[in-house]
Amino acid sequence: MQKTFRLLLAALLPLGACNTDEDLIGSESQPNAFTVVEWTPAPGQFIGENDYAGPDGVVTAASAAAWAQKRLEAHQYVSLGGFGGSITVRFAHPIAAGSSGYDFAIRGNAIDTSNEPGIVWVMTDRNGNGRPDDTWYELRGSETGKTTTFADYEVTYYRPDAPQSDVRWTDNRGGEGRIEYLPHHHRQDSYYPAWIEADRYTLKGTRLEAHNRYDEGKKQWVNYPYDWGYVDNAGSDLIDGIAVGFRIANAIDALGAPVRLESIDFIRVQTGVNFQSAGNIGEVSTEVCSFEDLTRH
């Protein structure tokens, strides 16, 4: 992940506030309450920098989600790590699908030279149990349906054998590689999530073609933007210069067919690119700063 220049400085510091001096789109009086129900990042340079332990000193999936909740409540970013890393939130009220305009917004920390696209999924709590165990629907974006987009991509990450080591990965298309350990920026023992007990874990989702190139003129890596439809991306759907607007009407099923949803209760953001060789700026990893219901403003 990194937002060149500004983020190269941030890379040397603990996780900080989102890249904006602006307030959130809605006022604090607006009912935008949500709960982080799951944070399952892929390995990445911003994973393992902080203490995710609960009051008993033990790191669990629940204590990690609670840490992410506090970060978002403080308007600070939460990293999703490499491909497939995700965060899932439940709103305190259903978000209704509108007939026009954006229904909700998600703030990342993209700038024009560094875009780290997060794919958005939505779910309606049809069984009413308050858990995200119904059907997920992807929201269509500009890359949906392209031959360079893989809808059934999987990456398996392997726990390093030694501290401060690269994290190896393999995918379901015969690929393999590593998320490189960057000691000049991040010196935690491991980029592998501490609350994942297994020595390997697999993340699945839609993979976009990477838009990352080395700019010889600028002498730096540039993460070019996608047209629209992704978190942490400076596309045509920016609302206030950094928050991205989304329409529930863009929901599609596993075959890519449109799905009509009257409302949603859960939102999931998932890192949509597997790109880990951008030199000193490391892996592409989506950052999320806030979730906002626009239908009640």
Protein backbone atom coordinates (compact mmCIF):
# COMPACT_ATOMS: atom_id res chain seq x y z
CA MET A 1 0.00 0.00 0.00
CA GLN A 2 1.25 3.53 -0.11
CA LYS A 3 0.17 6.88 -1.30
CA THR A 4 3.60 7.99 -2.46
CA PHE A 5 5.08 11.23 -1.02
CA ARG A 6 2.54 11.84 1.78
CA LEU A 7 2.23 8.15 2.57
CA LEU A 8 5.93 7.50 2.40
CA LEU A 9 6.12 9.76 5.42
CA ALA A 10 3.11 8.05 7.00
CA ALA A 11 4.81 4.70 6.42
CA LEU A 12 7.44 5.73 8.94
CA LEU A 13 4.84 6.52 11.59
CA PRO A 14 2.13 4.60 13.45
CA LEU A 15 -1.20 4.37 11.66
CA GLY A 16 -2.64 7.88 11.54
CA ALA A 17 -5.76 9.74 10.57
CA CYS A 18 -7.22 9.48 7.11
CA ASN A 19 -5.73 11.64 4.36
CA THR A 20 -8.21 14.46 4.67
CA ASP A 21 -8.82 17.51 6.77
CA GLU A 22 -12.50 17.48 5.88
CA ASP A 23 -15.28 16.23 8.14
CA LEU A 24 -17.28 13.18 7.23
CA ILE A 25 -20.05 13.78 4.73
CA GLY A 26 -22.83 13.53 7.32
CA SER A 27 -22.97 15.51 10.53
CA GLU A 28 -22.43 13.68 13.80
CA SER A 29 -26.16 13.93 14.45
CA GLN A 30 -26.88 11.67 11.49
CA PRO A 31 -27.63 8.01 12.32
CA ASN A 32 -24.52 6.46 10.75
CA ALA A 33 -23.84 3.96 13.52
CA PHE A 34 -22.29 0.70 12.38
CA THR A 35 -20.50 -2.22 13.99
CA VAL A 36 -17.43 -4.02 12.69
CA VAL A 37 -18.46 -7.66 12.75
CA GLU A 38 -15.36 -9.05 11.09
CA TRP A 39 -11.92 -7.82 10.08
CA THR A 40 -9.92 -10.44 8.18
CA PRO A 41 -7.01 -8.74 6.46
CA ALA A 42 -4.52 -10.39 4.18
CA PRO A 43 -0.91 -10.07 5.34
CA GLY A 44 0.48 -6.59 4.80
CA GLN A 45 2.89 -4.02 6.13
CA PHE A 46 0.20 -2.33 8.26
CA ILE A 47 -0.87 -5.62 9.85
CA GLY A 48 0.73 -6.46 13.19
CA GLU A 49 1.92 -2.91 13.96
CA ASN A 50 -0.50 -2.48 16.82
CA ASP A 51 -1.79 -4.33 19.87
CA TYR A 52 -4.99 -6.12 18.87
CA ALA A 53 -5.31 -7.96 22.18
CA GLY A 54 -8.44 -7.82 24.31
CA PRO A 55 -8.61 -6.99 28.05
CA ASP A 56 -7.27 -10.45 28.86
CA GLY A 57 -4.17 -9.86 26.74
CA VAL A 58 -5.19 -12.45 24.13
CA VAL A 59 -5.47 -11.56 20.44
CA THR A 60 -8.66 -12.97 18.91
CA ALA A 61 -10.81 -12.24 15.88
CA ALA A 62 -13.20 -10.40 18.21
CA SER A 63 -10.49 -8.23 19.77
CA ALA A 64 -9.11 -7.41 16.31
CA ALA A 65 -12.57 -6.35 15.15
CA ALA A 66 -12.94 -4.20 18.27
CA TRP A 67 -9.62 -2.52 17.47
CA ALA A 68 -10.81 -1.80 13.92
CA GLN A 69 -14.07 -0.39 15.34
CA LYS A 70 -12.18 2.09 17.51
CA ARG A 71 -10.02 3.12 14.57
CA LEU A 72 -13.00 3.88 12.36
CA GLU A 73 -14.83 5.70 15.15
CA ALA A 74 -11.76 7.94 15.45
CA HIS A 75 -11.83 8.51 11.66
CA GLN A 76 -8.53 6.65 11.25
CA TYR A 77 -7.84 4.15 8.53
CA VAL A 78 -7.92 0.39 8.79
CA SER A 79 -5.78 -1.53 6.32
CA LEU A 80 -7.10 -4.66 4.63
CA GLY A 81 -3.67 -5.97 3.59
CA GLY A 82 -3.10 -7.66 0.24
CA PHE A 83 -5.59 -9.34 -2.07
CA GLY A 84 -8.76 -10.64 -0.43
CA GLY A 85 -8.32 -8.90 2.92
CA SER A 86 -11.70 -7.62 4.09
CA ILE A 87 -13.71 -5.75 6.66
CA THR A 88 -17.44 -6.31 7.27
CA VAL A 89 -19.76 -3.87 9.02
CA ARG A 90 -23.40 -4.03 10.07
CA PHE A 91 -25.43 -0.84 10.13
CA ALA A 92 -27.76 -0.13 13.04
CA HIS A 93 -30.57 0.28 10.51
CA PRO A 94 -31.18 -1.00 6.97
CA ILE A 95 -29.92 1.21 4.16
CA ALA A 96 -32.68 1.57 1.60
CA ALA A 97 -32.00 1.36 -2.12
CA GLY A 98 -32.83 4.69 -3.73
CA SER A 99 -34.21 5.28 -7.19
CA SER A 100 -31.36 7.66 -8.03
CA GLY A 101 -28.16 9.00 -6.54
CA TYR A 102 -25.81 7.25 -4.15
CA ASP A 103 -27.14 5.22 -1.22
CA PHE A 104 -23.98 5.06 0.87
CA ALA A 105 -20.38 6.23 0.80
CA ILE A 106 -17.09 4.73 1.92
CA ARG A 107 -14.07 6.87 2.62
CA GLY A 108 -10.56 5.66 1.85
CA ASN A 109 -7.32 7.60 1.56
CA ALA A 110 -6.60 7.57 -2.17
CA ILE A 111 -4.76 10.33 -3.97
CA ASP A 112 -4.38 10.74 -7.71
CA THR A 113 -1.09 8.82 -7.88
CA SER A 114 -2.02 6.00 -5.52
CA ASN A 115 -5.27 4.07 -5.80
CA GLU A 116 -5.76 0.74 -4.04
CA PRO A 117 -9.16 -0.53 -5.13
CA GLY A 118 -11.46 -2.21 -2.68
CA ILE A 119 -14.40 -4.17 -4.07
CA VAL A 120 -17.72 -3.67 -2.27
CA TRP A 121 -20.18 -6.43 -1.38
CA VAL A 122 -23.60 -6.00 0.24
CA MET A 123 -26.00 -8.28 2.08
CA THR A 124 -29.57 -8.16 3.33
CA ASP A 125 -30.21 -9.81 6.70
CA ARG A 126 -33.05 -11.93 5.35
CA ASN A 127 -33.05 -14.42 8.22
CA GLY A 128 -32.99 -11.59 10.77
CA ASN A 129 -30.32 -13.10 13.00
CA GLY A 130 -27.95 -10.10 12.85
CA ARG A 131 -25.11 -12.14 11.38
CA PRO A 132 -23.65 -11.92 7.84
CA ASP A 133 -24.68 -15.44 6.88
CA ASP A 134 -27.09 -14.74 4.02
CA THR A 135 -26.03 -14.10 0.39
CA TRP A 136 -23.33 -11.60 -0.54
CA TYR A 137 -23.77 -9.57 -3.73
CA GLU A 138 -20.91 -7.72 -5.38
CA LEU A 139 -21.48 -4.14 -6.51
CA ARG A 140 -20.65 -3.69 -10.17
CA GLY A 141 -17.72 -1.39 -11.04
CA SER A 142 -15.96 -0.24 -14.16
CA GLU A 143 -13.91 -3.45 -14.39
CA THR A 144 -16.84 -5.85 -14.07
CA GLY A 145 -17.07 -8.26 -16.99
CA LYS A 146 -13.66 -7.45 -18.46
CA THR A 147 -11.48 -10.37 -19.54
CA THR A 148 -8.77 -9.09 -17.19
CA THR A 149 -11.11 -9.40 -14.17
CA PHE A 150 -11.28 -12.79 -12.43
CA ALA A 151 -14.47 -13.42 -10.46
CA ASP A 152 -13.27 -16.65 -8.82
CA TYR A 153 -9.78 -15.77 -7.68
CA GLU A 154 -8.21 -17.34 -4.57
CA VAL A 155 -4.96 -16.64 -2.74
CA THR A 156 -3.48 -18.78 0.05
CA TYR A 157 -1.10 -17.10 2.49
CA TYR A 158 1.50 -19.02 4.52
CA ARG A 159 2.78 -18.14 7.98
CA PRO A 160 6.52 -17.25 7.83
CA ASP A 161 8.94 -19.65 9.47
CA ALA A 162 10.90 -16.85 11.13
CA PRO A 163 10.20 -13.35 12.47
CA GLN A 164 10.55 -10.37 10.13
CA SER A 165 10.26 -12.51 7.01
CA ASP A 166 8.33 -12.25 3.74
CA VAL A 167 4.89 -13.88 3.59
CA ARG A 168 4.63 -16.45 0.81
CA TRP A 169 1.44 -16.86 -1.23
CA THR A 170 0.07 -19.07 -3.98
CA ASP A 171 -3.09 -18.60 -6.04
CA ASN A 172 -5.56 -20.84 -7.86
CA ARG A 173 -4.17 -19.90 -11.26
CA GLY A 174 -0.69 -21.31 -10.74
CA GLY A 175 0.81 -18.06 -9.51
CA GLU A 176 3.00 -17.53 -6.48
CA GLY A 177 4.92 -14.73 -4.83
CA ARG A 178 5.67 -12.95 -1.60
CA ILE A 179 4.52 -9.96 0.37
CA GLU A 180 7.90 -8.48 1.07
CA TYR A 181 9.00 -7.53 4.55
CA LEU A 182 10.01 -3.84 4.58
CA PRO A 183 12.23 -3.24 7.63
CA HIS A 184 12.97 0.37 6.66
CA HIS A 185 9.28 1.24 7.19
CA HIS A 186 7.61 -1.46 9.32
CA ARG A 187 9.53 -3.60 11.78
CA GLN A 188 6.85 -5.66 13.53
CA ASP A 189 7.67 -9.36 13.82
CA SER A 190 5.16 -10.47 11.21
CA TYR A 191 2.72 -9.16 8.61
CA TYR A 192 0.67 -12.34 9.15
CA PRO A 193 -2.47 -11.63 11.26
CA ALA A 194 -1.81 -12.73 14.83
CA TRP A 195 -5.38 -13.97 15.39
CA ILE A 196 -5.26 -16.41 12.47
CA GLU A 197 -4.36 -19.66 14.23
CA ALA A 198 -3.80 -21.77 11.11
CA ASP A 199 -0.43 -21.75 9.38
CA ARG A 200 -2.15 -20.97 6.11
CA TYR A 201 -5.44 -19.39 5.10
CA THR A 202 -7.21 -18.76 1.81
CA LEU A 203 -9.06 -15.62 0.75
CA LYS A 204 -11.44 -15.61 -2.20
CA GLY A 205 -13.00 -12.87 -4.27
CA THR A 206 -12.91 -10.84 -7.46
CA ARG A 207 -9.48 -9.80 -8.71
CA LEU A 208 -8.95 -6.72 -10.86
CA GLU A 209 -6.06 -6.12 -13.21
CA ALA A 210 -3.38 -4.09 -11.46
CA HIS A 211 -3.03 -0.48 -12.61
CA ASN A 212 0.46 -0.07 -11.17
CA ARG A 213 3.37 1.21 -13.24
CA TYR A 214 6.81 2.58 -12.58
CA ASP A 215 6.93 6.16 -13.84
CA GLU A 216 10.41 6.84 -15.20
CA GLY A 217 9.79 10.57 -15.25
CA LYS A 218 8.66 10.72 -11.62
CA LYS A 219 11.07 7.97 -10.56
CA GLN A 220 8.35 6.35 -8.49
CA TRP A 221 5.63 3.74 -8.62
CA VAL A 222 2.19 5.07 -9.51
CA ASN A 223 -1.07 3.29 -8.74
CA TYR A 224 -3.38 4.63 -11.43
CA PRO A 225 -7.13 5.02 -10.71
CA TYR A 226 -9.99 2.87 -11.97
CA ASP A 227 -12.94 4.60 -13.61
CA TRP A 228 -15.55 4.00 -10.90
CA GLY A 229 -17.01 1.56 -8.40
CA TYR A 230 -14.19 0.99 -5.90
CA VAL A 231 -13.17 2.12 -2.42
CA ASP A 232 -9.85 3.92 -1.93
CA ASN A 233 -9.89 4.98 -5.56
CA ALA A 234 -10.00 8.45 -7.12
CA GLY A 235 -12.52 7.68 -9.86
CA SER A 236 -15.47 9.59 -11.27
CA ASP A 237 -17.66 8.68 -8.27
CA LEU A 238 -15.86 10.72 -5.62
CA ILE A 239 -18.33 12.77 -3.60
CA ASP A 240 -16.17 15.20 -1.65
CA GLY A 241 -12.79 14.51 -3.16
CA ILE A 242 -12.09 11.33 -1.20
CA ALA A 243 -15.31 9.47 -0.24
CA VAL A 244 -16.72 7.18 -2.93
CA GLY A 245 -20.46 6.89 -3.53
CA PHE A 246 -22.19 3.54 -4.13
CA ARG A 247 -25.60 2.47 -5.43
CA ILE A 248 -27.30 -0.66 -4.14
CA ALA A 249 -28.90 -0.95 -7.61
CA ASN A 250 -25.47 -2.02 -8.91
CA ALA A 251 -25.67 -5.35 -7.04
CA ILE A 252 -24.97 -8.45 -9.14
CA ASP A 253 -25.10 -12.16 -8.40
CA ALA A 254 -22.33 -14.74 -8.83
CA LEU A 255 -23.10 -14.98 -12.55
CA GLY A 256 -22.95 -11.23 -13.05
CA ALA A 257 -26.71 -10.76 -13.42
CA PRO A 258 -28.37 -7.70 -11.80
CA VAL A 259 -30.07 -8.28 -8.45
CA ARG A 260 -32.83 -6.07 -7.04
CA LEU A 261 -32.39 -5.39 -3.33
CA GLU A 262 -34.80 -3.15 -1.45
CA SER A 263 -32.32 -2.55 1.36
CA ILE A 264 -29.08 -3.85 2.84
CA ASP A 265 -27.79 -4.41 6.37
CA PHE A 266 -24.16 -5.43 5.81
CA ILE A 267 -21.32 -3.98 3.75
CA ARG A 268 -18.01 -5.71 3.06
CA VAL A 269 -14.93 -4.17 1.45
CA GLN A 270 -12.26 -6.47 0.05
CA THR A 271 -8.86 -5.63 -1.47
CA GLY A 272 -9.30 -6.28 -5.18
CA VAL A 273 -5.73 -6.38 -6.53
CA ASN A 274 -2.87 -8.82 -6.01
CA PHE A 275 0.18 -6.62 -6.59
CA GLN A 276 3.21 -6.88 -4.33
CA SER A 277 6.30 -5.73 -6.19
CA ALA A 278 6.20 -1.94 -6.10
CA GLY A 279 9.63 -1.61 -4.55
CA ASN A 280 9.82 0.39 -1.35
CA ILE A 281 6.11 1.21 -1.31
CA GLY A 282 5.12 -2.42 -0.87
CA GLU A 283 1.90 -4.25 -1.56
CA VAL A 284 -1.38 -2.77 -2.75
CA SER A 285 -3.74 -2.81 0.22
CA THR A 286 -7.09 -1.06 0.45
CA GLU A 287 -7.60 1.33 3.37
CA VAL A 288 -11.04 2.13 4.80
CA CYS A 289 -11.79 5.18 6.94
CA SER A 290 -15.59 5.37 7.27
CA PHE A 291 -18.95 4.02 6.16
CA GLU A 292 -21.80 6.48 5.69
CA ASP A 293 -25.51 6.08 4.94
CA LEU A 294 -26.41 8.84 2.48
CA THR A 295 -30.13 8.10 2.39
CA ARG A 296 -30.75 9.75 5.78
CA HIS A 297 -28.91 13.02 5.21
